[in-house]
Amino acid sequence: MLKLSPKSALYHVPGIAFLISKSRLQIEYDLARKQSHDLVYNRAHTFTKQLLKFLKVNIVVLNHENVIKQPAIICQNHTSIMDIPAILHTVGGKSLFCTKEELFRIWVFGKGIETLGMIKIYKDDKMTGRELRKAANCLKEHVCDNGALTPYLVAFPEGTRTKDKGYKMNDFKRGLFSISIKYDLPIIPIASYGGLDITPKSSWTFNKGTIYEKVLTPLFPKDYAGGNIKEKSIRLQNDTQNKINLGIHELIQVYGKEKT
């Protein structure tokens, strides 16, 4: 059952709903004026800034230089619903999130994320695979000149948020890493810490605080020579998971003391 505090019910949820509705209307206005998709997508970044300020959530980004300016796949551990604005704040490009199909049915919000090009994740693996391949092709064909936003495919390879207060990750799903190998899309791993204290799983209780985002060195498919696609993707998956796990441990060692 979803937990909802009185403050969230009376203040946070209405405020978030207002920000979403406002951004949606602005997007509709931009589309009516036939603005470029990059300009329309910047509404997501504006919304993110407003949301973080409203909720009094600060994002600290470490090693931002590792966000390479080329089409890539962002992989981050999944701790709370605040992971999405944290990544939008951290990356700054056109981040296309892999999102559960049922979220596209939500009034106002669903149409907004569809307009922004978010990727539908279905319970049927074949349908999800088709959507991921389409997204990968779009990324590869994207031209990043003339100030165009760099496109990133963003996924949480655990598939669901962790409840573990020690930030122990769930097992990674391999499909995304097969896409990386097949389409030669680098992986940018990000370790995130702090989200559990702001919005715990199964809760719409929002606490002010800080989320720490550590961008780790990218992994390139070309470095995984030898073997078939399955073998390469398993090695890439393991390396990504190990990198993120180590990054989480380092964040806890440095910033965990601030929360005690």
C-alpha atoms as a PDB file:
ATOM      1  CA  MET A   1       0.000   0.000   0.000  1.00  0.00           C
ATOM      2  CA  LEU A   2       1.297   3.440  -0.953  1.00  0.00           C
ATOM      3  CA  LYS A   3       2.178   5.532   2.110  1.00  0.00           C
ATOM      4  CA  LEU A   4       1.167   9.197   1.972  1.00  0.00           C
ATOM      5  CA  SER A   5       2.006  11.682   4.728  1.00  0.00           C
ATOM      6  CA  PRO A   6      -0.441  14.523   5.555  1.00  0.00           C
ATOM      7  CA  LYS A   7       2.136  17.108   4.394  1.00  0.00           C
ATOM      8  CA  SER A   8       2.601  15.322   1.078  1.00  0.00           C
ATOM      9  CA  ALA A   9      -1.161  14.961   0.550  1.00  0.00           C
ATOM     10  CA  LEU A  10      -1.882  18.623   1.283  1.00  0.00           C
ATOM     11  CA  TYR A  11       1.248  20.287  -0.091  1.00  0.00           C
ATOM     12  CA  HIS A  12       3.681  18.152  -2.125  1.00  0.00           C
ATOM     13  CA  VAL A  13       1.270  16.192  -4.328  1.00  0.00           C
ATOM     14  CA  PRO A  14      -0.845  19.223  -5.362  1.00  0.00           C
ATOM     15  CA  GLY A  15       2.345  21.207  -6.001  1.00  0.00           C
ATOM     16  CA  ILE A  16       3.842  18.460  -8.174  1.00  0.00           C
ATOM     17  CA  ALA A  17       0.539  18.103 -10.062  1.00  0.00           C
ATOM     18  CA  PHE A  18       0.562  21.853 -10.747  1.00  0.00           C
ATOM     19  CA  LEU A  19       4.144  21.776 -12.064  1.00  0.00           C
ATOM     20  CA  ILE A  20       3.362  18.799 -14.318  1.00  0.00           C
ATOM     21  CA  SER A  21       0.209  20.466 -15.704  1.00  0.00           C
ATOM     22  CA  LYS A  22       2.061  23.741 -16.280  1.00  0.00           C
ATOM     23  CA  SER A  23       4.881  21.993 -18.163  1.00  0.00           C
ATOM     24  CA  ARG A  24       2.369  20.009 -20.206  1.00  0.00           C
ATOM     25  CA  LEU A  25       0.609  23.198 -21.341  1.00  0.00           C
ATOM     26  CA  GLN A  26       3.946  24.767 -22.264  1.00  0.00           C
ATOM     27  CA  ILE A  27       4.858  21.689 -24.311  1.00  0.00           C
ATOM     28  CA  GLU A  28       1.508  21.854 -26.150  1.00  0.00           C
ATOM     29  CA  TYR A  29       2.142  25.527 -26.885  1.00  0.00           C
ATOM     30  CA  ASP A  30       5.638  24.765 -28.231  1.00  0.00           C
ATOM     31  CA  LEU A  31       4.282  21.982 -30.439  1.00  0.00           C
ATOM     32  CA  ALA A  32       1.538  24.253 -31.793  1.00  0.00           C
ATOM     33  CA  ARG A  33       4.250  26.738 -32.787  1.00  0.00           C
ATOM     34  CA  LYS A  34       6.196  23.873 -34.423  1.00  0.00           C
ATOM     35  CA  GLN A  35       9.247  24.369 -32.235  1.00  0.00           C
ATOM     36  CA  SER A  36      12.161  21.932 -32.512  1.00  0.00           C
ATOM     37  CA  HIS A  37      12.044  18.781 -30.417  1.00  0.00           C
ATOM     38  CA  ASP A  38      15.204  19.875 -28.588  1.00  0.00           C
ATOM     39  CA  LEU A  39      13.541  23.122 -27.525  1.00  0.00           C
ATOM     40  CA  VAL A  40      10.442  21.199 -26.424  1.00  0.00           C
ATOM     41  CA  TYR A  41      12.615  18.771 -24.478  1.00  0.00           C
ATOM     42  CA  ASN A  42      14.201  21.651 -22.577  1.00  0.00           C
ATOM     43  CA  ARG A  43      10.839  21.951 -20.817  1.00  0.00           C
ATOM     44  CA  ALA A  44      11.789  18.731 -19.005  1.00  0.00           C
ATOM     45  CA  HIS A  45      14.947  20.381 -17.702  1.00  0.00           C
ATOM     46  CA  THR A  46      12.997  23.478 -16.605  1.00  0.00           C
ATOM     47  CA  PHE A  47      10.464  21.245 -14.847  1.00  0.00           C
ATOM     48  CA  THR A  48      13.315  19.391 -13.116  1.00  0.00           C
ATOM     49  CA  LYS A  49      14.817  22.609 -11.727  1.00  0.00           C
ATOM     50  CA  GLN A  50      11.418  23.758 -10.463  1.00  0.00           C
ATOM     51  CA  LEU A  51      10.625  20.365  -8.918  1.00  0.00           C
ATOM     52  CA  LEU A  52      13.954  20.077  -7.089  1.00  0.00           C
ATOM     53  CA  LYS A  53      13.603  23.630  -5.747  1.00  0.00           C
ATOM     54  CA  PHE A  54      10.001  22.983  -4.657  1.00  0.00           C
ATOM     55  CA  LEU A  55      10.941  19.765  -2.814  1.00  0.00           C
ATOM     56  CA  LYS A  56      14.161  21.295  -1.416  1.00  0.00           C
ATOM     57  CA  VAL A  57      16.293  18.534  -2.908  1.00  0.00           C
ATOM     58  CA  ASN A  58      19.915  19.272  -3.767  1.00  0.00           C
ATOM     59  CA  ILE A  59      21.909  17.265  -6.337  1.00  0.00           C
ATOM     60  CA  VAL A  60      25.678  16.936  -5.954  1.00  0.00           C
ATOM     61  CA  VAL A  61      27.380  15.661  -9.120  1.00  0.00           C
ATOM     62  CA  LEU A  62      30.837  14.098  -9.008  1.00  0.00           C
ATOM     63  CA  ASN A  63      33.063  13.390 -12.049  1.00  0.00           C
ATOM     64  CA  HIS A  64      30.725  15.126 -14.482  1.00  0.00           C
ATOM     65  CA  GLU A  65      33.500  15.001 -17.103  1.00  0.00           C
ATOM     66  CA  ASN A  66      32.622  11.312 -17.583  1.00  0.00           C
ATOM     67  CA  VAL A  67      29.330  12.302 -19.262  1.00  0.00           C
ATOM     68  CA  ILE A  68      30.619  11.819 -22.813  1.00  0.00           C
ATOM     69  CA  LYS A  69      29.008  13.950 -25.518  1.00  0.00           C
ATOM     70  CA  GLN A  70      27.909  11.137 -27.815  1.00  0.00           C
ATOM     71  CA  PRO A  71      24.867   8.863 -27.972  1.00  0.00           C
ATOM     72  CA  ALA A  72      25.130   6.405 -25.081  1.00  0.00           C
ATOM     73  CA  ILE A  73      23.202   4.370 -22.520  1.00  0.00           C
ATOM     74  CA  ILE A  74      22.964   5.712 -18.972  1.00  0.00           C
ATOM     75  CA  CYS A  75      22.823   2.961 -16.309  1.00  0.00           C
ATOM     76  CA  GLN A  76      22.144   3.883 -12.682  1.00  0.00           C
ATOM     77  CA  ASN A  77      21.126   2.041  -9.520  1.00  0.00           C
ATOM     78  CA  HIS A  78      17.451   2.628  -8.720  1.00  0.00           C
ATOM     79  CA  THR A  79      16.594   3.977  -5.259  1.00  0.00           C
ATOM     80  CA  SER A  80      13.584   6.306  -5.504  1.00  0.00           C
ATOM     81  CA  ILE A  81      11.270   8.220  -7.835  1.00  0.00           C
ATOM     82  CA  MET A  82      13.718  11.114  -7.452  1.00  0.00           C
ATOM     83  CA  ASP A  83      16.246   9.211  -9.602  1.00  0.00           C
ATOM     84  CA  ILE A  84      14.670  10.610 -12.769  1.00  0.00           C
ATOM     85  CA  PRO A  85      15.034  14.332 -11.920  1.00  0.00           C
ATOM     86  CA  ALA A  86      18.492  13.553 -10.490  1.00  0.00           C
ATOM     87  CA  ILE A  87      19.624  12.095 -13.829  1.00  0.00           C
ATOM     88  CA  LEU A  88      18.043  14.928 -15.834  1.00  0.00           C
ATOM     89  CA  HIS A  89      19.951  17.377 -13.655  1.00  0.00           C
ATOM     90  CA  THR A  90      23.199  15.410 -13.942  1.00  0.00           C
ATOM     91  CA  VAL A  91      23.265  14.597 -17.652  1.00  0.00           C
ATOM     92  CA  GLY A  92      21.777  17.701 -19.223  1.00  0.00           C
ATOM     93  CA  GLY A  93      21.166  16.103 -22.637  1.00  0.00           C
ATOM     94  CA  LYS A  94      18.071  14.549 -24.176  1.00  0.00           C
ATOM     95  CA  SER A  95      17.575  11.663 -21.748  1.00  0.00           C
ATOM     96  CA  LEU A  96      15.059   9.113 -23.027  1.00  0.00           C
ATOM     97  CA  PHE A  97      13.960   7.011 -20.062  1.00  0.00           C
ATOM     98  CA  CYS A  98      12.796   3.414 -20.226  1.00  0.00           C
ATOM     99  CA  THR A  99       9.427   3.642 -18.455  1.00  0.00           C
ATOM    100  CA  LYS A 100       6.681   1.172 -17.564  1.00  0.00           C
ATOM    101  CA  GLU A 101       3.940   1.170 -20.182  1.00  0.00           C
ATOM    102  CA  GLU A 102       1.183   1.832 -17.625  1.00  0.00           C
ATOM    103  CA  LEU A 103       2.700   5.241 -16.769  1.00  0.00           C
ATOM    104  CA  PHE A 104       1.789   6.411 -20.269  1.00  0.00           C
ATOM    105  CA  ARG A 105      -1.893   6.056 -19.311  1.00  0.00           C
ATOM    106  CA  ILE A 106      -1.718   8.607 -16.481  1.00  0.00           C
ATOM    107  CA  TRP A 107      -3.717  11.764 -17.201  1.00  0.00           C
ATOM    108  CA  VAL A 108      -1.568  14.706 -18.399  1.00  0.00           C
ATOM    109  CA  PHE A 109       1.688  13.046 -17.311  1.00  0.00           C
ATOM    110  CA  GLY A 110       1.415  10.112 -19.739  1.00  0.00           C
ATOM    111  CA  LYS A 111       0.859  12.283 -22.789  1.00  0.00           C
ATOM    112  CA  GLY A 112       3.747  14.492 -21.734  1.00  0.00           C
ATOM    113  CA  ILE A 113       6.314  11.692 -21.512  1.00  0.00           C
ATOM    114  CA  GLU A 114       5.056  10.252 -24.801  1.00  0.00           C
ATOM    115  CA  THR A 115       5.594  13.631 -26.474  1.00  0.00           C
ATOM    116  CA  LEU A 116       9.123  13.766 -25.078  1.00  0.00           C
ATOM    117  CA  GLY A 117       9.907  10.378 -26.627  1.00  0.00           C
ATOM    118  CA  MET A 118      10.204   8.180 -23.532  1.00  0.00           C
ATOM    119  CA  ILE A 119      10.539   4.434 -24.143  1.00  0.00           C
ATOM    120  CA  LYS A 120       7.708   2.063 -23.221  1.00  0.00           C
ATOM    121  CA  ILE A 121       8.649  -1.034 -21.234  1.00  0.00           C
ATOM    122  CA  TYR A 122       6.104  -3.857 -21.537  1.00  0.00           C
ATOM    123  CA  LYS A 123       5.606  -7.045 -19.568  1.00  0.00           C
ATOM    124  CA  ASP A 124       6.149  -8.821 -22.895  1.00  0.00           C
ATOM    125  CA  ASP A 125       9.921  -9.012 -23.456  1.00  0.00           C
ATOM    126  CA  LYS A 126       9.533  -9.142 -27.253  1.00  0.00           C
ATOM    127  CA  MET A 127       7.551  -5.886 -27.321  1.00  0.00           C
ATOM    128  CA  THR A 128      10.072  -4.231 -25.009  1.00  0.00           C
ATOM    129  CA  GLY A 129      12.943  -5.461 -27.177  1.00  0.00           C
ATOM    130  CA  ARG A 130      11.325  -3.934 -30.248  1.00  0.00           C
ATOM    131  CA  GLU A 131      10.972  -0.558 -28.508  1.00  0.00           C
ATOM    132  CA  LEU A 132      14.589  -0.634 -27.314  1.00  0.00           C
ATOM    133  CA  ARG A 133      15.857  -1.435 -30.821  1.00  0.00           C
ATOM    134  CA  LYS A 134      13.858   1.467 -32.252  1.00  0.00           C
ATOM    135  CA  ALA A 135      15.296   3.782 -29.605  1.00  0.00           C
ATOM    136  CA  ALA A 136      18.849   2.550 -30.258  1.00  0.00           C
ATOM    137  CA  ASN A 137      18.441   3.214 -33.980  1.00  0.00           C
ATOM    138  CA  CYS A 138      17.179   6.737 -33.265  1.00  0.00           C
ATOM    139  CA  LEU A 139      20.196   7.414 -31.068  1.00  0.00           C
ATOM    140  CA  LYS A 140      22.635   6.170 -33.713  1.00  0.00           C
ATOM    141  CA  GLU A 141      21.010   8.296 -36.420  1.00  0.00           C
ATOM    142  CA  HIS A 142      20.909  11.458 -34.297  1.00  0.00           C
ATOM    143  CA  VAL A 143      23.050  14.376 -35.482  1.00  0.00           C
ATOM    144  CA  CYS A 144      24.551  16.353 -32.593  1.00  0.00           C
ATOM    145  CA  ASP A 145      25.700  19.434 -34.525  1.00  0.00           C
ATOM    146  CA  ASN A 146      24.203  22.948 -34.510  1.00  0.00           C
ATOM    147  CA  GLY A 147      23.691  22.849 -30.744  1.00  0.00           C
ATOM    148  CA  ALA A 148      21.464  19.776 -30.769  1.00  0.00           C
ATOM    149  CA  LEU A 149      21.092  17.998 -27.430  1.00  0.00           C
ATOM    150  CA  THR A 150      23.107  14.795 -27.074  1.00  0.00           C
ATOM    151  CA  PRO A 151      20.665  11.872 -26.828  1.00  0.00           C
ATOM    152  CA  TYR A 152      20.963   9.249 -24.104  1.00  0.00           C
ATOM    153  CA  LEU A 153      18.938   6.102 -23.484  1.00  0.00           C
ATOM    154  CA  VAL A 154      18.422   5.906 -19.708  1.00  0.00           C
ATOM    155  CA  ALA A 155      17.596   2.697 -17.882  1.00  0.00           C
ATOM    156  CA  PHE A 156      17.675   1.256 -14.402  1.00  0.00           C
ATOM    157  CA  PRO A 157      18.991  -2.246 -15.117  1.00  0.00           C
ATOM    158  CA  GLU A 158      17.651  -3.598 -11.806  1.00  0.00           C
ATOM    159  CA  GLY A 159      14.136  -3.115 -13.168  1.00  0.00           C
ATOM    160  CA  THR A 160      12.759  -1.946  -9.809  1.00  0.00           C
ATOM    161  CA  ARG A 161      13.759   0.209  -6.866  1.00  0.00           C
ATOM    162  CA  THR A 162      15.707  -1.245  -3.967  1.00  0.00           C
ATOM    163  CA  LYS A 163      14.345  -1.168  -0.411  1.00  0.00           C
ATOM    164  CA  ASP A 164      17.721  -2.001   1.117  1.00  0.00           C
ATOM    165  CA  LYS A 165      18.936   0.822   3.382  1.00  0.00           C
ATOM    166  CA  GLY A 166      22.512  -0.225   2.627  1.00  0.00           C
ATOM    167  CA  TYR A 167      21.820   0.426  -1.081  1.00  0.00           C
ATOM    168  CA  LYS A 168      22.395  -3.213  -2.056  1.00  0.00           C
ATOM    169  CA  MET A 169      21.386  -3.525  -5.703  1.00  0.00           C
ATOM    170  CA  ASN A 170      19.023  -6.059  -7.230  1.00  0.00           C
ATOM    171  CA  ASP A 171      20.289  -8.294 -10.047  1.00  0.00           C
ATOM    172  CA  PHE A 172      20.750  -6.535 -13.390  1.00  0.00           C
ATOM    173  CA  LYS A 173      18.704  -7.510 -16.446  1.00  0.00           C
ATOM    174  CA  ARG A 174      20.819  -8.275 -19.519  1.00  0.00           C
ATOM    175  CA  GLY A 175      18.657  -6.957 -22.383  1.00  0.00           C
ATOM    176  CA  LEU A 176      20.029  -3.435 -22.245  1.00  0.00           C
ATOM    177  CA  PHE A 177      23.612  -4.653 -22.460  1.00  0.00           C
ATOM    178  CA  SER A 178      22.801  -6.713 -25.555  1.00  0.00           C
ATOM    179  CA  ILE A 179      21.475  -3.497 -27.123  1.00  0.00           C
ATOM    180  CA  SER A 180      24.744  -1.774 -26.190  1.00  0.00           C
ATOM    181  CA  ILE A 181      26.809  -4.467 -27.920  1.00  0.00           C
ATOM    182  CA  LYS A 182      24.594  -4.747 -31.020  1.00  0.00           C
ATOM    183  CA  TYR A 183      24.378  -1.001 -31.660  1.00  0.00           C
ATOM    184  CA  ASP A 184      27.837  -0.016 -30.376  1.00  0.00           C
ATOM    185  CA  LEU A 185      26.417   2.335 -27.736  1.00  0.00           C
ATOM    186  CA  PRO A 186      28.751   3.089 -24.791  1.00  0.00           C
ATOM    187  CA  ILE A 187      27.532   2.578 -21.224  1.00  0.00           C
ATOM    188  CA  ILE A 188      27.801   5.506 -18.791  1.00  0.00           C
ATOM    189  CA  PRO A 189      27.420   4.047 -15.263  1.00  0.00           C
ATOM    190  CA  ILE A 190      26.175   6.319 -12.485  1.00  0.00           C
ATOM    191  CA  ALA A 191      26.210   5.484  -8.766  1.00  0.00           C
ATOM    192  CA  SER A 192      23.494   7.277  -6.800  1.00  0.00           C
ATOM    193  CA  TYR A 193      23.179   7.716  -3.044  1.00  0.00           C
ATOM    194  CA  GLY A 194      20.667   9.610  -0.912  1.00  0.00           C
ATOM    195  CA  GLY A 195      17.381   8.966  -2.718  1.00  0.00           C
ATOM    196  CA  LEU A 196      16.152   6.464  -0.125  1.00  0.00           C
ATOM    197  CA  ASP A 197      16.200   9.179   2.535  1.00  0.00           C
ATOM    198  CA  ILE A 198      14.114  11.523   0.396  1.00  0.00           C
ATOM    199  CA  THR A 199      11.441   9.238  -1.047  1.00  0.00           C
ATOM    200  CA  PRO A 200      11.404   5.633   0.231  1.00  0.00           C
ATOM    201  CA  LYS A 201       9.899   2.925  -1.966  1.00  0.00           C
ATOM    202  CA  SER A 202       6.101   2.491  -1.691  1.00  0.00           C
ATOM    203  CA  SER A 203       5.858   6.033  -0.341  1.00  0.00           C
ATOM    204  CA  TRP A 204       4.819   9.474  -1.532  1.00  0.00           C
ATOM    205  CA  THR A 205       6.486  11.094   1.452  1.00  0.00           C
ATOM    206  CA  PHE A 206       9.015  13.718   0.355  1.00  0.00           C
ATOM    207  CA  ASN A 207      11.868  14.776   2.615  1.00  0.00           C
ATOM    208  CA  LYS A 208      14.318  17.545   1.828  1.00  0.00           C
ATOM    209  CA  GLY A 209      17.937  16.443   1.440  1.00  0.00           C
ATOM    210  CA  THR A 210      20.788  15.734  -0.947  1.00  0.00           C
ATOM    211  CA  ILE A 211      21.271  13.110  -3.650  1.00  0.00           C
ATOM    212  CA  TYR A 212      24.854  12.315  -4.644  1.00  0.00           C
ATOM    213  CA  GLU A 213      25.452  11.305  -8.259  1.00  0.00           C
ATOM    214  CA  LYS A 214      28.865   9.864  -9.126  1.00  0.00           C
ATOM    215  CA  VAL A 215      29.419   9.520 -12.884  1.00  0.00           C
ATOM    216  CA  LEU A 216      31.817   6.623 -13.483  1.00  0.00           C
ATOM    217  CA  THR A 217      34.169   6.053 -16.422  1.00  0.00           C
ATOM    218  CA  PRO A 218      32.257   4.908 -19.536  1.00  0.00           C
ATOM    219  CA  LEU A 219      32.441   1.368 -20.887  1.00  0.00           C
ATOM    220  CA  PHE A 220      32.787   0.909 -24.663  1.00  0.00           C
ATOM    221  CA  PRO A 221      31.471  -2.155 -26.526  1.00  0.00           C
ATOM    222  CA  LYS A 222      34.520  -2.151 -28.820  1.00  0.00           C
ATOM    223  CA  ASP A 223      36.616  -3.147 -25.783  1.00  0.00           C
ATOM    224  CA  TYR A 224      34.698  -6.425 -25.495  1.00  0.00           C
ATOM    225  CA  ALA A 225      36.204  -8.365 -28.369  1.00  0.00           C
ATOM    226  CA  GLY A 226      35.870 -12.123 -28.634  1.00  0.00           C
ATOM    227  CA  GLY A 227      32.819 -14.312 -28.132  1.00  0.00           C
ATOM    228  CA  ASN A 228      29.241 -13.944 -29.322  1.00  0.00           C
ATOM    229  CA  ILE A 229      26.774 -11.174 -28.413  1.00  0.00           C
ATOM    230  CA  LYS A 230      25.500 -13.018 -25.346  1.00  0.00           C
ATOM    231  CA  GLU A 231      28.995 -13.587 -23.960  1.00  0.00           C
ATOM    232  CA  LYS A 232      30.027  -9.971 -24.598  1.00  0.00           C
ATOM    233  CA  SER A 233      26.832  -8.578 -23.054  1.00  0.00           C
ATOM    234  CA  ILE A 234      27.277 -10.701 -19.913  1.00  0.00           C
ATOM    235  CA  ARG A 235      30.800  -9.367 -19.433  1.00  0.00           C
ATOM    236  CA  LEU A 236      29.612  -5.802 -20.037  1.00  0.00           C
ATOM    237  CA  GLN A 237      26.732  -6.301 -17.598  1.00  0.00           C
ATOM    238  CA  ASN A 238      29.043  -7.636 -14.887  1.00  0.00           C
ATOM    239  CA  ASP A 239      31.549  -4.820 -15.345  1.00  0.00           C
ATOM    240  CA  THR A 240      28.787  -2.195 -15.188  1.00  0.00           C
ATOM    241  CA  GLN A 241      27.288  -3.698 -12.042  1.00  0.00           C
ATOM    242  CA  ASN A 242      30.690  -3.937 -10.357  1.00  0.00           C
ATOM    243  CA  LYS A 243      31.511  -0.309 -11.226  1.00  0.00           C
ATOM    244  CA  ILE A 244      28.225   1.009  -9.845  1.00  0.00           C
ATOM    245  CA  ASN A 245      28.479  -1.162  -6.737  1.00  0.00           C
ATOM    246  CA  LEU A 246      31.971   0.194  -6.024  1.00  0.00           C
ATOM    247  CA  GLY A 247      30.770   3.756  -6.684  1.00  0.00           C
ATOM    248  CA  ILE A 248      27.904   3.357  -4.189  1.00  0.00           C
ATOM    249  CA  HIS A 249      30.320   2.024  -1.580  1.00  0.00           C
ATOM    250  CA  GLU A 250      32.608   5.048  -2.096  1.00  0.00           C
ATOM    251  CA  LEU A 251      29.685   7.482  -1.767  1.00  0.00           C
ATOM    252  CA  ILE A 252      28.531   5.841   1.454  1.00  0.00           C
ATOM    253  CA  GLN A 253      32.057   5.966   2.838  1.00  0.00           C
ATOM    254  CA  VAL A 254      32.343   9.713   2.171  1.00  0.00           C
ATOM    255  CA  TYR A 255      28.789  11.035   2.545  1.00  0.00           C
ATOM    256  CA  GLY A 256      27.122   8.423   4.737  1.00  0.00           C
ATOM    257  CA  LYS A 257      28.729  10.026   7.786  1.00  0.00           C
ATOM    258  CA  GLU A 258      26.805  13.242   7.062  1.00  0.00           C
ATOM    259  CA  LYS A 259      23.499  11.384   7.477  1.00  0.00           C
ATOM    260  CA  THR A 260      24.310   9.876  10.883  1.00  0.00           C
END
